[in-house]
Each structure stands twice: as structure tokens, then as C-alpha cells.
Amino acid sequence: MGQLPAVPLVTGDGPRASHVNPEAPRAIQRWNGHLWEPHGFAANLAEARRILFPHAGVLANSG
């Protein structure tokens, strides 16, 4: 709870690790207390990471 997962939108037998199909689009979900609901969309893994962790690049580049 409190995290927003980015789920790859690919065909197959279920959820996969985030590093599989890094160019596949991602559905960003949010837990509403009862079920996961759509929260956003990302074109690929890199964009999903920028959405989910907006300050990560700033911290890595500061110093």
C-alpha cells in the first residue's frame, strides 16, 4: 500500500518482472483500499520510472 505499481501491458500468463519487455507500455495502478484501479499510463519502463520516482534523477545528479 502506498506504492504505485507499473504493470507491463503484454500478452501472456500473468504479471512479469519489471525488467522483462522494457519497451512495452505500462499501466500505472493505485490501490483504493479494495482493489487496484487505473491511475496512469507510461509508454515504456523508462517513462514509468520517471513518473513513479520523479526525484530519483535529481538526487543522482545533485552533488
PDB file of N, CA and C in Angstrom:
ATOM      1  N   MET A   1       0.844  -1.175   0.000  1.00  0.00           N
ATOM      2  CA  MET A   1       0.000   0.000   0.000  1.00  0.00           C
ATOM      3  C   MET A   1       0.889   1.238   0.000  1.00  0.00           C
ATOM      4  N   GLY A   2       0.465   2.271  -0.681  1.00  0.00           N
ATOM      5  CA  GLY A   2       1.244   3.484  -0.749  1.00  0.00           C
ATOM      6  C   GLY A   2       2.139   3.567  -1.970  1.00  0.00           C
ATOM      7  N   GLN A   3       2.334   2.438  -2.655  1.00  0.00           N
ATOM      8  CA  GLN A   3       3.141   2.454  -3.862  1.00  0.00           C
ATOM      9  C   GLN A   3       2.241   2.315  -5.070  1.00  0.00           C
ATOM     10  N   LEU A   4       2.718   2.825  -6.189  1.00  0.00           N
ATOM     11  CA  LEU A   4       2.007   2.721  -7.448  1.00  0.00           C
ATOM     12  C   LEU A   4       2.773   1.762  -8.348  1.00  0.00           C
ATOM     13  N   PRO A   5       2.277   0.551  -8.577  1.00  0.00           N
ATOM     14  CA  PRO A   5       2.987  -0.364  -9.466  1.00  0.00           C
ATOM     15  C   PRO A   5       2.755  -0.009 -10.931  1.00  0.00           C
ATOM     16  N   ALA A   6       3.741  -0.277 -11.751  1.00  0.00           N
ATOM     17  CA  ALA A   6       3.645  -0.101 -13.195  1.00  0.00           C
ATOM     18  C   ALA A   6       3.633  -1.489 -13.822  1.00  0.00           C
ATOM     19  N   VAL A   7       2.492  -1.898 -14.328  1.00  0.00           N
ATOM     20  CA  VAL A   7       2.291  -3.247 -14.837  1.00  0.00           C
ATOM     21  C   VAL A   7       2.474  -3.261 -16.350  1.00  0.00           C
ATOM     22  N   PRO A   8       3.372  -4.097 -16.876  1.00  0.00           N
ATOM     23  CA  PRO A   8       3.546  -4.170 -18.332  1.00  0.00           C
ATOM     24  C   PRO A   8       2.259  -4.634 -19.013  1.00  0.00           C
ATOM     25  N   LEU A   9       1.916  -4.000 -20.116  1.00  0.00           N
ATOM     26  CA  LEU A   9       0.740  -4.380 -20.892  1.00  0.00           C
ATOM     27  C   LEU A   9       1.182  -5.290 -22.028  1.00  0.00           C
ATOM     28  N   VAL A  10       1.348  -6.562 -21.696  1.00  0.00           N
ATOM     29  CA  VAL A  10       1.782  -7.571 -22.663  1.00  0.00           C
ATOM     30  C   VAL A  10       0.887  -8.796 -22.528  1.00  0.00           C
ATOM     31  N   THR A  11       0.817  -9.565 -23.581  1.00  0.00           N
ATOM     32  CA  THR A  11       0.052 -10.803 -23.516  1.00  0.00           C
ATOM     33  C   THR A  11       0.877 -11.859 -22.808  1.00  0.00           C
ATOM     34  N   GLY A  12       0.230 -12.817 -22.239  1.00  0.00           N
ATOM     35  CA  GLY A  12       0.955 -13.885 -21.561  1.00  0.00           C
ATOM     36  C   GLY A  12       0.180 -14.433 -20.397  1.00  0.00           C
ATOM     37  N   ASP A  13       0.893 -15.139 -19.539  1.00  0.00           N
ATOM     38  CA  ASP A  13       0.267 -15.854 -18.434  1.00  0.00           C
ATOM     39  C   ASP A  13       0.166 -15.061 -17.140  1.00  0.00           C
ATOM     40  N   GLY A  14       0.367 -13.802 -17.153  1.00  0.00           N
ATOM     41  CA  GLY A  14       0.236 -13.036 -15.922  1.00  0.00           C
ATOM     42  C   GLY A  14       1.345 -12.032 -15.761  1.00  0.00           C
ATOM     43  N   PRO A  15       1.448 -11.438 -14.563  1.00  0.00           N
ATOM     44  CA  PRO A  15       2.459 -10.405 -14.302  1.00  0.00           C
ATOM     45  C   PRO A  15       3.874 -10.917 -14.534  1.00  0.00           C
ATOM     46  N   ARG A  16       4.723 -10.032 -14.967  1.00  0.00           N
ATOM     47  CA  ARG A  16       6.130 -10.350 -15.219  1.00  0.00           C
ATOM     48  C   ARG A  16       6.998  -9.372 -14.437  1.00  0.00           C
ATOM     49  N   ALA A  17       8.262  -9.697 -14.315  1.00  0.00           N
ATOM     50  CA  ALA A  17       9.204  -8.789 -13.666  1.00  0.00           C
ATOM     51  C   ALA A  17       9.305  -7.491 -14.468  1.00  0.00           C
ATOM     52  N   SER A  18       9.609  -6.406 -13.792  1.00  0.00           N
ATOM     53  CA  SER A  18       9.605  -5.100 -14.455  1.00  0.00           C
ATOM     54  C   SER A  18      10.644  -4.988 -15.559  1.00  0.00           C
ATOM     55  N   HIS A  19      11.747  -5.755 -15.478  1.00  0.00           N
ATOM     56  CA  HIS A  19      12.801  -5.644 -16.480  1.00  0.00           C
ATOM     57  C   HIS A  19      12.463  -6.405 -17.769  1.00  0.00           C
ATOM     58  N   VAL A  20      11.432  -7.256 -17.738  1.00  0.00           N
ATOM     59  CA  VAL A  20      11.029  -8.000 -18.933  1.00  0.00           C
ATOM     60  C   VAL A  20      10.241  -7.060 -19.840  1.00  0.00           C
ATOM     61  N   ASN A  21      10.569  -7.052 -21.108  1.00  0.00           N
ATOM     62  CA  ASN A  21       9.905  -6.178 -22.090  1.00  0.00           C
ATOM     63  C   ASN A  21       9.975  -4.700 -21.690  1.00  0.00           C
ATOM     64  N   PRO A  22      11.164  -4.128 -21.550  1.00  0.00           N
ATOM     65  CA  PRO A  22      11.274  -2.742 -21.089  1.00  0.00           C
ATOM     66  C   PRO A  22      10.630  -1.730 -22.033  1.00  0.00           C
ATOM     67  N   GLU A  23      10.430  -2.085 -23.287  1.00  0.00           N
ATOM     68  CA  GLU A  23       9.807  -1.155 -24.229  1.00  0.00           C
ATOM     69  C   GLU A  23       8.290  -1.286 -24.275  1.00  0.00           C
ATOM     70  N   ALA A  24       7.717  -2.240 -23.536  1.00  0.00           N
ATOM     71  CA  ALA A  24       6.263  -2.417 -23.512  1.00  0.00           C
ATOM     72  C   ALA A  24       5.611  -1.286 -22.725  1.00  0.00           C
ATOM     73  N   PRO A  25       4.436  -0.859 -23.137  1.00  0.00           N
ATOM     74  CA  PRO A  25       3.718   0.172 -22.372  1.00  0.00           C
ATOM     75  C   PRO A  25       3.358  -0.348 -20.983  1.00  0.00           C
ATOM     76  N   ARG A  26       3.175   0.574 -20.049  1.00  0.00           N
ATOM     77  CA  ARG A  26       2.870   0.236 -18.657  1.00  0.00           C
ATOM     78  C   ARG A  26       1.569   0.894 -18.222  1.00  0.00           C
ATOM     79  N   ALA A  27       0.765   0.143 -17.480  1.00  0.00           N
ATOM     80  CA  ALA A  27      -0.394   0.702 -16.793  1.00  0.00           C
ATOM     81  C   ALA A  27       0.042   0.969 -15.361  1.00  0.00           C
ATOM     82  N   ILE A  28      -0.133   2.175 -14.906  1.00  0.00           N
ATOM     83  CA  ILE A  28       0.201   2.530 -13.531  1.00  0.00           C
ATOM     84  C   ILE A  28      -1.077   2.416 -12.716  1.00  0.00           C
ATOM     85  N   GLN A  29      -1.013   1.637 -11.634  1.00  0.00           N
ATOM     86  CA  GLN A  29      -2.195   1.351 -10.837  1.00  0.00           C
ATOM     87  C   GLN A  29      -2.065   1.944  -9.442  1.00  0.00           C
ATOM     88  N   ARG A  30      -3.229   2.143  -8.802  1.00  0.00           N
ATOM     89  CA  ARG A  30      -3.268   2.660  -7.432  1.00  0.00           C
ATOM     90  C   ARG A  30      -4.253   1.817  -6.631  1.00  0.00           C
ATOM     91  N   TRP A  31      -3.880   1.460  -5.413  1.00  0.00           N
ATOM     92  CA  TRP A  31      -4.753   0.698  -4.538  1.00  0.00           C
ATOM     93  C   TRP A  31      -5.734   1.657  -3.877  1.00  0.00           C
ATOM     94  N   ASN A  32      -7.037   1.404  -4.044  1.00  0.00           N
ATOM     95  CA  ASN A  32      -8.038   2.308  -3.473  1.00  0.00           C
ATOM     96  C   ASN A  32      -8.582   1.812  -2.133  1.00  0.00           C
ATOM     97  N   GLY A  33      -7.950   0.786  -1.581  1.00  0.00           N
ATOM     98  CA  GLY A  33      -8.406   0.218  -0.323  1.00  0.00           C
ATOM     99  C   GLY A  33      -9.187  -1.070  -0.518  1.00  0.00           C
ATOM    100  N   HIS A  34      -9.616  -1.303  -1.759  1.00  0.00           N
ATOM    101  CA  HIS A  34     -10.388  -2.507  -2.059  1.00  0.00           C
ATOM    102  C   HIS A  34      -9.848  -3.247  -3.275  1.00  0.00           C
ATOM    103  N   LEU A  35      -9.370  -2.511  -4.255  1.00  0.00           N
ATOM    104  CA  LEU A  35      -8.845  -3.126  -5.474  1.00  0.00           C
ATOM    105  C   LEU A  35      -7.907  -2.160  -6.179  1.00  0.00           C
ATOM    106  N   TRP A  36      -7.109  -2.725  -7.105  1.00  0.00           N
ATOM    107  CA  TRP A  36      -6.199  -1.900  -7.900  1.00  0.00           C
ATOM    108  C   TRP A  36      -7.008  -1.224  -8.997  1.00  0.00           C
ATOM    109  N   GLU A  37      -6.818   0.091  -9.170  1.00  0.00           N
ATOM    110  CA  GLU A  37      -7.531   0.820 -10.206  1.00  0.00           C
ATOM    111  C   GLU A  37      -6.530   1.567 -11.083  1.00  0.00           C
ATOM    112  N   PRO A  38      -6.905   1.847 -12.333  1.00  0.00           N
ATOM    113  CA  PRO A  38      -6.001   2.591 -13.222  1.00  0.00           C
ATOM    114  C   PRO A  38      -5.700   3.982 -12.652  1.00  0.00           C
ATOM    115  N   HIS A  39      -4.459   4.371 -12.756  1.00  0.00           N
ATOM    116  CA  HIS A  39      -4.029   5.675 -12.249  1.00  0.00           C
ATOM    117  C   HIS A  39      -3.309   6.482 -13.329  1.00  0.00           C
ATOM    118  N   GLY A  40      -2.674   5.783 -14.271  1.00  0.00           N
ATOM    119  CA  GLY A  40      -1.934   6.464 -15.323  1.00  0.00           C
ATOM    120  C   GLY A  40      -1.408   5.478 -16.342  1.00  0.00           C
ATOM    121  N   PHE A  41      -0.657   5.993 -17.271  1.00  0.00           N
ATOM    122  CA  PHE A  41      -0.120   5.192 -18.364  1.00  0.00           C
ATOM    123  C   PHE A  41       1.277   5.707 -18.697  1.00  0.00           C
ATOM    124  N   ALA A  42       2.164   4.778 -19.043  1.00  0.00           N
ATOM    125  CA  ALA A  42       3.515   5.144 -19.480  1.00  0.00           C
ATOM    126  C   ALA A  42       3.831   4.370 -20.758  1.00  0.00           C
ATOM    127  N   ALA A  43       4.565   4.984 -21.651  1.00  0.00           N
ATOM    128  CA  ALA A  43       4.886   4.371 -22.939  1.00  0.00           C
ATOM    129  C   ALA A  43       5.858   3.204 -22.811  1.00  0.00           C
ATOM    130  N   ASN A  44       6.707   3.232 -21.756  1.00  0.00           N
ATOM    131  CA  ASN A  44       7.691   2.155 -21.563  1.00  0.00           C
ATOM    132  C   ASN A  44       8.197   2.196 -20.116  1.00  0.00           C
ATOM    133  N   LEU A  45       9.118   1.308 -19.791  1.00  0.00           N
ATOM    134  CA  LEU A  45       9.634   1.213 -18.423  1.00  0.00           C
ATOM    135  C   LEU A  45      10.342   2.494 -17.989  1.00  0.00           C
ATOM    136  N   ALA A  46      11.124   3.085 -18.868  1.00  0.00           N
ATOM    137  CA  ALA A  46      11.852   4.311 -18.503  1.00  0.00           C
ATOM    138  C   ALA A  46      10.884   5.438 -18.147  1.00  0.00           C
ATOM    139  N   GLU A  47       9.839   5.608 -18.926  1.00  0.00           N
ATOM    140  CA  GLU A  47       8.858   6.653 -18.631  1.00  0.00           C
ATOM    141  C   GLU A  47       8.113   6.337 -17.334  1.00  0.00           C
ATOM    142  N   ALA A  48       7.788   5.066 -17.107  1.00  0.00           N
ATOM    143  CA  ALA A  48       7.114   4.676 -15.866  1.00  0.00           C
ATOM    144  C   ALA A  48       7.975   5.026 -14.658  1.00  0.00           C
ATOM    145  N   ARG A  49       9.271   4.770 -14.755  1.00  0.00           N
ATOM    146  CA  ARG A  49      10.174   5.103 -13.635  1.00  0.00           C
ATOM    147  C   ARG A  49      10.232   6.603 -13.405  1.00  0.00           C
ATOM    148  N   ARG A  50      10.221   7.405 -14.477  1.00  0.00           N
ATOM    149  CA  ARG A  50      10.220   8.869 -14.314  1.00  0.00           C
ATOM    150  C   ARG A  50       8.941   9.347 -13.633  1.00  0.00           C
ATOM    151  N   ILE A  51       7.818   8.698 -13.940  1.00  0.00           N
ATOM    152  CA  ILE A  51       6.546   9.068 -13.321  1.00  0.00           C
ATOM    153  C   ILE A  51       6.513   8.642 -11.856  1.00  0.00           C
ATOM    154  N   LEU A  52       6.936   7.410 -11.587  1.00  0.00           N
ATOM    155  CA  LEU A  52       6.848   6.870 -10.239  1.00  0.00           C
ATOM    156  C   LEU A  52       7.904   7.416  -9.288  1.00  0.00           C
ATOM    157  N   PHE A  53       9.060   7.770  -9.820  1.00  0.00           N
ATOM    158  CA  PHE A  53      10.170   8.265  -8.999  1.00  0.00           C
ATOM    159  C   PHE A  53      10.709   9.576  -9.574  1.00  0.00           C
ATOM    160  N   PRO A  54       9.910  10.650  -9.536  1.00  0.00           N
ATOM    161  CA  PRO A  54      10.304  11.899 -10.202  1.00  0.00           C
ATOM    162  C   PRO A  54      11.569  12.543  -9.633  1.00  0.00           C
ATOM    163  N   HIS A  55      11.881  12.285  -8.380  1.00  0.00           N
ATOM    164  CA  HIS A  55      13.049  12.920  -7.754  1.00  0.00           C
ATOM    165  C   HIS A  55      14.310  12.069  -7.840  1.00  0.00           C
ATOM    166  N   ALA A  56      14.225  10.868  -8.354  1.00  0.00           N
ATOM    167  CA  ALA A  56      15.379   9.969  -8.403  1.00  0.00           C
ATOM    168  C   ALA A  56      16.496  10.541  -9.277  1.00  0.00           C
ATOM    169  N   GLY A  57      16.156  11.093 -10.413  1.00  0.00           N
ATOM    170  CA  GLY A  57      17.159  11.689 -11.289  1.00  0.00           C
ATOM    171  C   GLY A  57      17.793  12.927 -10.691  1.00  0.00           C
ATOM    172  N   VAL A  58      16.994  13.715  -9.977  1.00  0.00           N
ATOM    173  CA  VAL A  58      17.503  14.921  -9.339  1.00  0.00           C
ATOM    174  C   VAL A  58      18.507  14.569  -8.263  1.00  0.00           C
ATOM    175  N   LEU A  59      18.219  13.560  -7.458  1.00  0.00           N
ATOM    176  CA  LEU A  59      19.144  13.157  -6.410  1.00  0.00           C
ATOM    177  C   LEU A  59      20.435  12.581  -6.969  1.00  0.00           C
ATOM    178  N   ALA A  60      20.316  11.841  -8.052  1.00  0.00           N
ATOM    179  CA  ALA A  60      21.519  11.236  -8.658  1.00  0.00           C
ATOM    180  C   ALA A  60      22.408  12.294  -9.289  1.00  0.00           C
ATOM    181  N   ASN A  61      21.816  13.404  -9.767  1.00  0.00           N
ATOM    182  CA  ASN A  61      22.584  14.438 -10.449  1.00  0.00           C
ATOM    183  C   ASN A  61      23.054  15.557  -9.525  1.00  0.00           C
ATOM    184  N   SER A  62      22.529  15.611  -8.322  1.00  0.00           N
ATOM    185  CA  SER A  62      22.946  16.676  -7.410  1.00  0.00           C
ATOM    186  C   SER A  62      24.235  16.274  -6.704  1.00  0.00           C
ATOM    187  N   GLY A  63      24.980  17.259  -6.302  1.00  0.00           N
ATOM    188  CA  GLY A  63      26.158  16.882  -5.540  1.00  0.00           C
ATOM    189  C   GLY A  63      27.289  17.711  -5.737  1.00  0.00           C
TER     190      GLY A  63
END
